[in-house]
Amino acid sequence: MGKAMNPAELRAMSEEQLALTLKDTVKHLFSLRVQSATERLETPSEIRKARRDIARIKTIQREKELNAQRQGAGKS
């Protein structure tokens, strides 16, 4: 989870892959917060990166959801 997610990579993922990536990133953020509370965190910027990755994933999930709704509305 070290590097920030690329939006193009995330858009290429399926909905299942996005959900798994989101779950992993949330777990990573939790472990970073535990480290921050109990011991010195080596790179405090990792927390910010994880939060931004979560927001990025959720945004792309919402875009896909809206596109699916538009596709469904256009067919009827």
PDB file of N, CA and C in Angstrom:
ATOM      1  N   MET A   1       0.811  -1.202   0.000  1.00  0.00           N
ATOM      2  CA  MET A   1       0.000   0.000   0.000  1.00  0.00           C
ATOM      3  C   MET A   1       0.851   1.261   0.000  1.00  0.00           C
ATOM      4  N   GLY A   2       2.129   1.122  -0.225  1.00  0.00           N
ATOM      5  CA  GLY A   2       3.025   2.252  -0.100  1.00  0.00           C
ATOM      6  C   GLY A   2       2.748   3.403  -1.050  1.00  0.00           C
ATOM      7  N   LYS A   3       2.448   3.101  -2.312  1.00  0.00           N
ATOM      8  CA  LYS A   3       2.290   4.192  -3.275  1.00  0.00           C
ATOM      9  C   LYS A   3       0.829   4.582  -3.423  1.00  0.00           C
ATOM     10  N   ALA A   4       0.618   5.820  -3.826  1.00  0.00           N
ATOM     11  CA  ALA A   4      -0.741   6.310  -4.042  1.00  0.00           C
ATOM     12  C   ALA A   4      -1.332   5.631  -5.271  1.00  0.00           C
ATOM     13  N   MET A   5      -2.634   5.439  -5.237  1.00  0.00           N
ATOM     14  CA  MET A   5      -3.320   4.782  -6.342  1.00  0.00           C
ATOM     15  C   MET A   5      -3.466   5.757  -7.511  1.00  0.00           C
ATOM     16  N   ASN A   6      -3.306   5.232  -8.703  1.00  0.00           N
ATOM     17  CA  ASN A   6      -3.488   6.017  -9.911  1.00  0.00           C
ATOM     18  C   ASN A   6      -4.964   5.915 -10.330  1.00  0.00           C
ATOM     19  N   PRO A   7      -5.651   7.038 -10.533  1.00  0.00           N
ATOM     20  CA  PRO A   7      -7.069   6.978 -10.901  1.00  0.00           C
ATOM     21  C   PRO A   7      -7.332   6.146 -12.156  1.00  0.00           C
ATOM     22  N   ALA A   8      -6.428   6.183 -13.115  1.00  0.00           N
ATOM     23  CA  ALA A   8      -6.612   5.391 -14.334  1.00  0.00           C
ATOM     24  C   ALA A   8      -6.581   3.896 -14.019  1.00  0.00           C
ATOM     25  N   GLU A   9      -5.682   3.492 -13.109  1.00  0.00           N
ATOM     26  CA  GLU A   9      -5.622   2.085 -12.693  1.00  0.00           C
ATOM     27  C   GLU A   9      -6.928   1.678 -12.005  1.00  0.00           C
ATOM     28  N   LEU A  10      -7.429   2.567 -11.158  1.00  0.00           N
ATOM     29  CA  LEU A  10      -8.652   2.262 -10.420  1.00  0.00           C
ATOM     30  C   LEU A  10      -9.856   2.159 -11.360  1.00  0.00           C
ATOM     31  N   ARG A  11      -9.932   3.037 -12.353  1.00  0.00           N
ATOM     32  CA  ARG A  11     -11.059   2.994 -13.286  1.00  0.00           C
ATOM     33  C   ARG A  11     -11.048   1.720 -14.122  1.00  0.00           C
ATOM     34  N   ALA A  12      -9.863   1.158 -14.347  1.00  0.00           N
ATOM     35  CA  ALA A  12      -9.750  -0.068 -15.137  1.00  0.00           C
ATOM     36  C   ALA A  12     -10.185  -1.303 -14.345  1.00  0.00           C
ATOM     37  N   MET A  13     -10.300  -1.174 -13.022  1.00  0.00           N
ATOM     38  CA  MET A  13     -10.664  -2.313 -12.177  1.00  0.00           C
ATOM     39  C   MET A  13     -12.167  -2.593 -12.247  1.00  0.00           C
ATOM     40  N   SER A  14     -12.508  -3.846 -11.971  1.00  0.00           N
ATOM     41  CA  SER A  14     -13.926  -4.210 -11.877  1.00  0.00           C
ATOM     42  C   SER A  14     -14.466  -3.730 -10.529  1.00  0.00           C
ATOM     43  N   GLU A  15     -15.774  -3.805 -10.367  1.00  0.00           N
ATOM     44  CA  GLU A  15     -16.378  -3.356  -9.109  1.00  0.00           C
ATOM     45  C   GLU A  15     -15.911  -4.208  -7.941  1.00  0.00           C
ATOM     46  N   GLU A  16     -15.719  -5.523  -8.189  1.00  0.00           N
ATOM     47  CA  GLU A  16     -15.260  -6.427  -7.133  1.00  0.00           C
ATOM     48  C   GLU A  16     -13.829  -6.079  -6.719  1.00  0.00           C
ATOM     49  N   GLN A  17     -12.990  -5.782  -7.724  1.00  0.00           N
ATOM     50  CA  GLN A  17     -11.606  -5.415  -7.428  1.00  0.00           C
ATOM     51  C   GLN A  17     -11.557  -4.104  -6.643  1.00  0.00           C
ATOM     52  N   LEU A  18     -12.407  -3.158  -7.013  1.00  0.00           N
ATOM     53  CA  LEU A  18     -12.452  -1.882  -6.289  1.00  0.00           C
ATOM     54  C   LEU A  18     -12.863  -2.106  -4.835  1.00  0.00           C
ATOM     55  N   ALA A  19     -13.860  -2.963  -4.631  1.00  0.00           N
ATOM     56  CA  ALA A  19     -14.333  -3.232  -3.271  1.00  0.00           C
ATOM     57  C   ALA A  19     -13.214  -3.863  -2.432  1.00  0.00           C
ATOM     58  N   LEU A  20     -12.477  -4.801  -3.026  1.00  0.00           N
ATOM     59  CA  LEU A  20     -11.369  -5.431  -2.299  1.00  0.00           C
ATOM     60  C   LEU A  20     -10.250  -4.436  -2.009  1.00  0.00           C
ATOM     61  N   THR A  21      -9.942  -3.592  -2.971  1.00  0.00           N
ATOM     62  CA  THR A  21      -8.904  -2.584  -2.780  1.00  0.00           C
ATOM     63  C   THR A  21      -9.315  -1.609  -1.682  1.00  0.00           C
ATOM     64  N   LEU A  22     -10.588  -1.219  -1.674  1.00  0.00           N
ATOM     65  CA  LEU A  22     -11.101  -0.328  -0.639  1.00  0.00           C
ATOM     66  C   LEU A  22     -10.960  -0.987   0.733  1.00  0.00           C
ATOM     67  N   LYS A  23     -11.342  -2.251   0.818  1.00  0.00           N
ATOM     68  CA  LYS A  23     -11.257  -2.979   2.090  1.00  0.00           C
ATOM     69  C   LYS A  23      -9.813  -3.042   2.581  1.00  0.00           C
ATOM     70  N   ASP A  24      -8.882  -3.352   1.687  1.00  0.00           N
ATOM     71  CA  ASP A  24      -7.460  -3.419   2.053  1.00  0.00           C
ATOM     72  C   ASP A  24      -6.939  -2.055   2.500  1.00  0.00           C
ATOM     73  N   THR A  25      -7.352  -1.005   1.816  1.00  0.00           N
ATOM     74  CA  THR A  25      -6.879   0.338   2.150  1.00  0.00           C
ATOM     75  C   THR A  25      -7.422   0.781   3.501  1.00  0.00           C
ATOM     76  N   VAL A  26      -8.671   0.433   3.798  1.00  0.00           N
ATOM     77  CA  VAL A  26      -9.252   0.774   5.098  1.00  0.00           C
ATOM     78  C   VAL A  26      -8.495   0.037   6.210  1.00  0.00           C
ATOM     79  N   LYS A  27      -8.165  -1.247   5.980  1.00  0.00           N
ATOM     80  CA  LYS A  27      -7.381  -2.004   6.965  1.00  0.00           C
ATOM     81  C   LYS A  27      -6.013  -1.368   7.168  1.00  0.00           C
ATOM     82  N   HIS A  28      -5.395  -0.954   6.059  1.00  0.00           N
ATOM     83  CA  HIS A  28      -4.075  -0.322   6.126  1.00  0.00           C
ATOM     84  C   HIS A  28      -4.151   0.971   6.933  1.00  0.00           C
ATOM     85  N   LEU A  29      -5.181   1.768   6.681  1.00  0.00           N
ATOM     86  CA  LEU A  29      -5.366   3.022   7.416  1.00  0.00           C
ATOM     87  C   LEU A  29      -5.543   2.736   8.908  1.00  0.00           C
ATOM     88  N   PHE A  30      -6.311   1.706   9.236  1.00  0.00           N
ATOM     89  CA  PHE A  30      -6.518   1.349  10.637  1.00  0.00           C
ATOM     90  C   PHE A  30      -5.190   0.994  11.301  1.00  0.00           C
ATOM     91  N   SER A  31      -4.391   0.177  10.617  1.00  0.00           N
ATOM     92  CA  SER A  31      -3.105  -0.214  11.207  1.00  0.00           C
ATOM     93  C   SER A  31      -2.182   1.002  11.360  1.00  0.00           C
ATOM     94  N   LEU A  32      -2.243   1.927  10.409  1.00  0.00           N
ATOM     95  CA  LEU A  32      -1.444   3.150  10.532  1.00  0.00           C
ATOM     96  C   LEU A  32      -1.888   3.972  11.737  1.00  0.00           C
ATOM     97  N   ARG A  33      -3.189   4.047  11.956  1.00  0.00           N
ATOM     98  CA  ARG A  33      -3.696   4.805  13.106  1.00  0.00           C
ATOM     99  C   ARG A  33      -3.296   4.142  14.413  1.00  0.00           C
ATOM    100  N   VAL A  34      -3.315   2.807  14.451  1.00  0.00           N
ATOM    101  CA  VAL A  34      -2.890   2.091  15.659  1.00  0.00           C
ATOM    102  C   VAL A  34      -1.411   2.367  15.912  1.00  0.00           C
ATOM    103  N   GLN A  35      -0.592   2.291  14.861  1.00  0.00           N
ATOM    104  CA  GLN A  35       0.838   2.594  15.001  1.00  0.00           C
ATOM    105  C   GLN A  35       1.036   4.020  15.493  1.00  0.00           C
ATOM    106  N   SER A  36       0.252   4.932  14.964  1.00  0.00           N
ATOM    107  CA  SER A  36       0.372   6.334  15.335  1.00  0.00           C
ATOM    108  C   SER A  36       0.061   6.529  16.820  1.00  0.00           C
ATOM    109  N   ALA A  37      -0.904   5.775  17.319  1.00  0.00           N
ATOM    110  CA  ALA A  37      -1.316   5.922  18.713  1.00  0.00           C
ATOM    111  C   ALA A  37      -0.357   5.213  19.674  1.00  0.00           C
ATOM    112  N   THR A  38       0.238   4.097  19.243  1.00  0.00           N
ATOM    113  CA  THR A  38       1.035   3.295  20.169  1.00  0.00           C
ATOM    114  C   THR A  38       2.533   3.533  20.059  1.00  0.00           C
ATOM    115  N   GLU A  39       3.005   3.814  18.886  1.00  0.00           N
ATOM    116  CA  GLU A  39       4.441   3.993  18.687  1.00  0.00           C
ATOM    117  C   GLU A  39       4.671   5.106  17.676  1.00  0.00           C
ATOM    118  N   ARG A  40       5.915   5.429  17.467  1.00  0.00           N
ATOM    119  CA  ARG A  40       6.232   6.461  16.491  1.00  0.00           C
ATOM    120  C   ARG A  40       5.960   5.935  15.080  1.00  0.00           C
ATOM    121  N   LEU A  41       5.240   6.705  14.319  1.00  0.00           N
ATOM    122  CA  LEU A  41       4.953   6.349  12.933  1.00  0.00           C
ATOM    123  C   LEU A  41       6.104   6.866  12.075  1.00  0.00           C
ATOM    124  N   GLU A  42       6.704   5.969  11.261  1.00  0.00           N
ATOM    125  CA  GLU A  42       7.868   6.364  10.465  1.00  0.00           C
ATOM    126  C   GLU A  42       7.523   7.467   9.473  1.00  0.00           C
ATOM    127  N   THR A  43       6.403   7.313   8.781  1.00  0.00           N
ATOM    128  CA  THR A  43       6.008   8.312   7.787  1.00  0.00           C
ATOM    129  C   THR A  43       4.565   8.744   8.037  1.00  0.00           C
ATOM    130  N   PRO A  44       4.382   9.834   8.766  1.00  0.00           N
ATOM    131  CA  PRO A  44       3.027  10.324   9.059  1.00  0.00           C
ATOM    132  C   PRO A  44       2.216  10.636   7.805  1.00  0.00           C
ATOM    133  N   SER A  45       2.887  10.920   6.690  1.00  0.00           N
ATOM    134  CA  SER A  45       2.166  11.229   5.456  1.00  0.00           C
ATOM    135  C   SER A  45       1.423  10.014   4.912  1.00  0.00           C
ATOM    136  N   GLU A  46       1.772   8.811   5.373  1.00  0.00           N
ATOM    137  CA  GLU A  46       1.085   7.599   4.922  1.00  0.00           C
ATOM    138  C   GLU A  46      -0.399   7.640   5.277  1.00  0.00           C
ATOM    139  N   ILE A  47      -0.744   8.223   6.415  1.00  0.00           N
ATOM    140  CA  ILE A  47      -2.153   8.312   6.827  1.00  0.00           C
ATOM    141  C   ILE A  47      -2.919   9.170   5.817  1.00  0.00           C
ATOM    142  N   ARG A  48      -2.353  10.292   5.438  1.00  0.00           N
ATOM    143  CA  ARG A  48      -2.998  11.175   4.465  1.00  0.00           C
ATOM    144  C   ARG A  48      -3.154  10.468   3.122  1.00  0.00           C
ATOM    145  N   LYS A  49      -2.113   9.752   2.699  1.00  0.00           N
ATOM    146  CA  LYS A  49      -2.171   9.030   1.426  1.00  0.00           C
ATOM    147  C   LYS A  49      -3.275   7.972   1.454  1.00  0.00           C
ATOM    148  N   ALA A  50      -3.384   7.251   2.560  1.00  0.00           N
ATOM    149  CA  ALA A  50      -4.413   6.210   2.670  1.00  0.00           C
ATOM    150  C   ALA A  50      -5.804   6.827   2.625  1.00  0.00           C
ATOM    151  N   ARG A  51      -5.993   7.943   3.318  1.00  0.00           N
ATOM    152  CA  ARG A  51      -7.300   8.603   3.313  1.00  0.00           C
ATOM    153  C   ARG A  51      -7.665   9.081   1.913  1.00  0.00           C
ATOM    154  N   ARG A  52      -6.694   9.601   1.199  1.00  0.00           N
ATOM    155  CA  ARG A  52      -6.952  10.077  -0.168  1.00  0.00           C
ATOM    156  C   ARG A  52      -7.248   8.912  -1.105  1.00  0.00           C
ATOM    157  N   ASP A  53      -6.546   7.795  -0.908  1.00  0.00           N
ATOM    158  CA  ASP A  53      -6.820   6.612  -1.721  1.00  0.00           C
ATOM    159  C   ASP A  53      -8.243   6.118  -1.491  1.00  0.00           C
ATOM    160  N   ILE A  54      -8.685   6.120  -0.238  1.00  0.00           N
ATOM    161  CA  ILE A  54     -10.053   5.694   0.086  1.00  0.00           C
ATOM    162  C   ILE A  54     -11.054   6.611  -0.610  1.00  0.00           C
ATOM    163  N   ALA A  55     -10.825   7.908  -0.535  1.00  0.00           N
ATOM    164  CA  ALA A  55     -11.730   8.869  -1.181  1.00  0.00           C
ATOM    165  C   ALA A  55     -11.745   8.662  -2.694  1.00  0.00           C
ATOM    166  N   ARG A  56     -10.569   8.411  -3.271  1.00  0.00           N
ATOM    167  CA  ARG A  56     -10.452   8.204  -4.716  1.00  0.00           C
ATOM    168  C   ARG A  56     -11.234   6.952  -5.140  1.00  0.00           C
ATOM    169  N   ILE A  57     -11.090   5.870  -4.368  1.00  0.00           N
ATOM    170  CA  ILE A  57     -11.792   4.624  -4.687  1.00  0.00           C
ATOM    171  C   ILE A  57     -13.303   4.823  -4.591  1.00  0.00           C
ATOM    172  N   LYS A  58     -13.752   5.478  -3.523  1.00  0.00           N
ATOM    173  CA  LYS A  58     -15.188   5.702  -3.358  1.00  0.00           C
ATOM    174  C   LYS A  58     -15.751   6.583  -4.460  1.00  0.00           C
ATOM    175  N   THR A  59     -14.992   7.569  -4.891  1.00  0.00           N
ATOM    176  CA  THR A  59     -15.429   8.452  -5.981  1.00  0.00           C
ATOM    177  C   THR A  59     -15.608   7.656  -7.268  1.00  0.00           C
ATOM    178  N   ILE A  60     -14.647   6.793  -7.575  1.00  0.00           N
ATOM    179  CA  ILE A  60     -14.724   6.000  -8.801  1.00  0.00           C
ATOM    180  C   ILE A  60     -15.862   4.994  -8.722  1.00  0.00           C
ATOM    181  N   GLN A  61     -16.086   4.413  -7.512  1.00  0.00           N
ATOM    182  CA  GLN A  61     -17.229   3.507  -7.347  1.00  0.00           C
ATOM    183  C   GLN A  61     -18.527   4.257  -7.629  1.00  0.00           C
ATOM    184  N   ARG A  62     -18.641   5.476  -7.145  1.00  0.00           N
ATOM    185  CA  ARG A  62     -19.853   6.271  -7.363  1.00  0.00           C
ATOM    186  C   ARG A  62     -20.020   6.618  -8.843  1.00  0.00           C
ATOM    187  N   GLU A  63     -18.916   6.951  -9.524  1.00  0.00           N
ATOM    188  CA  GLU A  63     -18.986   7.233 -10.963  1.00  0.00           C
ATOM    189  C   GLU A  63     -19.524   6.027 -11.720  1.00  0.00           C
ATOM    190  N   LYS A  64     -19.031   4.848 -11.378  1.00  0.00           N
ATOM    191  CA  LYS A  64     -19.478   3.627 -12.055  1.00  0.00           C
ATOM    192  C   LYS A  64     -20.961   3.376 -11.772  1.00  0.00           C
ATOM    193  N   GLU A  65     -21.371   3.646 -10.530  1.00  0.00           N
ATOM    194  CA  GLU A  65     -22.776   3.469 -10.152  1.00  0.00           C
ATOM    195  C   GLU A  65     -23.669   4.408 -10.960  1.00  0.00           C
ATOM    196  N   LEU A  66     -23.264   5.666 -11.078  1.00  0.00           N
ATOM    197  CA  LEU A  66     -24.063   6.638 -11.832  1.00  0.00           C
ATOM    198  C   LEU A  66     -24.106   6.288 -13.316  1.00  0.00           C
ATOM    199  N   ASN A  67     -22.979   5.821 -13.862  1.00  0.00           N
ATOM    200  CA  ASN A  67     -22.958   5.415 -15.267  1.00  0.00           C
ATOM    201  C   ASN A  67     -23.891   4.231 -15.511  1.00  0.00           C
ATOM    202  N   ALA A  68     -23.924   3.299 -14.564  1.00  0.00           N
ATOM    203  CA  ALA A  68     -24.804   2.143 -14.696  1.00  0.00           C
ATOM    204  C   ALA A  68     -26.272   2.585 -14.652  1.00  0.00           C
ATOM    205  N   GLN A  69     -26.580   3.565 -13.793  1.00  0.00           N
ATOM    206  CA  GLN A  69     -27.944   4.077 -13.710  1.00  0.00           C
ATOM    207  C   GLN A  69     -28.339   4.763 -15.025  1.00  0.00           C
ATOM    208  N   ARG A  70     -27.419   5.533 -15.566  1.00  0.00           N
ATOM    209  CA  ARG A  70     -27.690   6.220 -16.835  1.00  0.00           C
ATOM    210  C   ARG A  70     -27.912   5.221 -17.950  1.00  0.00           C
ATOM    211  N   GLN A  71     -27.113   4.177 -17.983  1.00  0.00           N
ATOM    212  CA  GLN A  71     -27.256   3.149 -19.014  1.00  0.00           C
ATOM    213  C   GLN A  71     -28.626   2.465 -18.883  1.00  0.00           C
ATOM    214  N   GLY A  72     -29.016   2.193 -17.636  1.00  0.00           N
ATOM    215  CA  GLY A  72     -30.306   1.551 -17.399  1.00  0.00           C
ATOM    216  C   GLY A  72     -31.476   2.448 -17.761  1.00  0.00           C
ATOM    217  N   ALA A  73     -31.363   3.734 -17.482  1.00  0.00           N
ATOM    218  CA  ALA A  73     -32.445   4.680 -17.789  1.00  0.00           C
ATOM    219  C   ALA A  73     -32.565   4.905 -19.298  1.00  0.00           C
ATOM    220  N   GLY A  74     -31.472   4.810 -20.008  1.00  0.00           N
ATOM    221  CA  GLY A  74     -31.487   5.036 -21.436  1.00  0.00           C
ATOM    222  C   GLY A  74     -32.154   3.904 -22.212  1.00  0.00           C
ATOM    223  N   LYS A  75     -32.183   2.726 -21.628  1.00  0.00           N
ATOM    224  CA  LYS A  75     -32.737   1.560 -22.318  1.00  0.00           C
ATOM    225  C   LYS A  75     -34.262   1.496 -22.259  1.00  0.00           C
ATOM    226  N   SER A  76     -34.868   2.111 -21.234  1.00  0.00           N
ATOM    227  CA  SER A  76     -36.319   1.973 -21.097  1.00  0.00           C
ATOM    228  C   SER A  76     -37.117   2.946 -21.911  1.00  0.00           C
TER     229      SER A  76
END
